[in-house]
Protein backbone atom coordinates (compact mmCIF):
# COMPACT_ATOMS: atom_id res chain seq x y z
CA MET A 1 19.81 7.10 9.52
CA ALA A 2 19.92 3.71 7.84
CA ILE A 3 20.71 0.41 9.48
CA VAL A 4 22.53 -2.23 7.48
CA ILE A 5 22.43 -5.76 8.85
CA GLU A 6 24.75 -8.14 7.08
CA ASP A 7 23.46 -11.34 8.63
CA LEU A 8 21.57 -13.63 6.28
CA GLN A 9 19.90 -15.56 9.11
CA MET A 10 18.58 -12.36 10.72
CA GLU A 11 17.37 -11.06 7.37
CA GLN A 12 15.50 -14.30 6.66
CA LEU A 13 13.95 -14.33 10.13
CA ALA A 14 12.83 -10.72 9.79
CA GLN A 15 11.28 -11.51 6.41
CA GLN A 16 9.48 -14.59 7.79
CA LEU A 17 8.08 -12.57 10.69
CA ALA A 18 6.99 -9.78 8.37
CA THR A 19 5.22 -12.25 6.09
CA ALA A 20 3.55 -14.02 9.00
CA GLU A 21 2.38 -10.73 10.53
CA GLY A 22 1.44 -9.12 7.23
CA VAL A 23 3.68 -6.11 7.82
CA THR A 24 6.94 -4.77 6.43
CA VAL A 25 10.39 -5.82 7.61
CA ARG A 26 10.86 -2.25 8.83
CA GLU A 27 7.82 -2.61 11.10
CA VAL A 28 9.07 -5.97 12.42
CA VAL A 29 12.47 -4.51 13.30
CA ARG A 30 10.93 -1.39 14.83
CA GLU A 31 8.46 -3.36 16.96
CA SER A 32 11.18 -5.78 18.08
CA LEU A 33 13.53 -2.98 19.11
CA LEU A 34 10.77 -1.10 20.94
CA SER A 35 9.72 -4.27 22.73
CA LEU A 36 13.25 -5.12 23.83
CA ALA A 37 13.91 -1.52 24.89
CA GLY A 38 10.73 -1.63 26.99
CA ILE A 39 11.77 -4.89 28.62
CA ARG A 40 15.19 -3.41 29.43
CA GLY A 41 13.58 -0.29 30.86
CA LEU A 42 15.16 1.98 28.28
CA THR A 43 11.91 3.62 27.23
CA THR A 44 9.29 5.15 29.42
CA LYS A 45 7.17 6.81 26.76
CA LYS A 46 4.15 4.73 25.78
CA PRO A 47 2.25 5.21 22.56
CA PRO A 48 -1.11 6.96 22.98
CA LEU A 49 -3.89 4.78 24.37
CA ARG A 50 -5.78 4.99 21.07
CA GLU A 51 -2.80 3.48 19.23
CA ARG A 52 -2.30 0.75 21.84
CA LEU A 53 -5.99 -0.18 21.71
CA ALA A 54 -5.98 -0.17 17.90
CA ALA A 55 -2.98 -2.51 17.90
CA LEU A 56 -4.70 -4.80 20.41
CA ALA A 57 -7.91 -4.81 18.36
CA ALA A 58 -5.93 -5.71 15.25
CA GLU A 59 -4.32 -8.63 17.09
CA VAL A 60 -7.69 -9.89 18.32
CA ASP A 61 -9.21 -9.54 14.84
CA ALA A 62 -6.34 -11.59 13.42
CA LEU A 63 -7.08 -14.55 15.72
CA PRO A 64 -8.86 -17.47 14.07
CA HIS A 65 -12.54 -17.71 14.86
CA ALA A 66 -12.97 -21.05 16.59
CA SER A 67 -16.35 -22.73 16.51
CA PRO A 68 -17.61 -24.38 19.69
CA VAL A 69 -16.51 -27.97 20.19
CA ASP A 70 -19.92 -28.99 21.54
CA THR A 71 -22.59 -28.21 18.95
CA ARG A 72 -25.54 -29.10 21.18
CA SER A 73 -28.01 -26.39 22.12
CA ASP A 74 -27.92 -24.79 25.56
CA ASN A 75 -31.06 -26.70 26.57
CA ASP A 76 -29.57 -30.01 25.46
CA ILE A 77 -26.40 -29.34 27.44
CA LEU A 78 -28.38 -28.40 30.56
CA GLY A 79 -30.71 -31.35 30.13
CA TYR A 80 -34.02 -29.54 29.56
CA ASP A 81 -36.63 -31.23 27.35
CA GLU A 82 -38.95 -29.55 24.83
CA HIS A 83 -41.29 -28.53 27.70
CA GLY A 84 -38.53 -26.84 29.68
CA ILE A 85 -38.46 -29.59 32.30
CA TRP A 86 -35.19 -30.79 33.61
């Protein structure tokens, strides 16, 4: 079954989300519908744990790697000198 959406604003939004997420528009629409159905309590079947964990790992991997704000060493932060005295 095909779904035809004749709403330019929705089409543009779906395309923007797909580009931002690095997935297809089909995946964006599918994920959005599944999410809303879950919120509304329309679905009770969860994907297998392996798939849920893989999706979570992909989200975590996509996060930017932030460097620490404070670049001092642990000893400098704690106040120890070169002899290990506080």
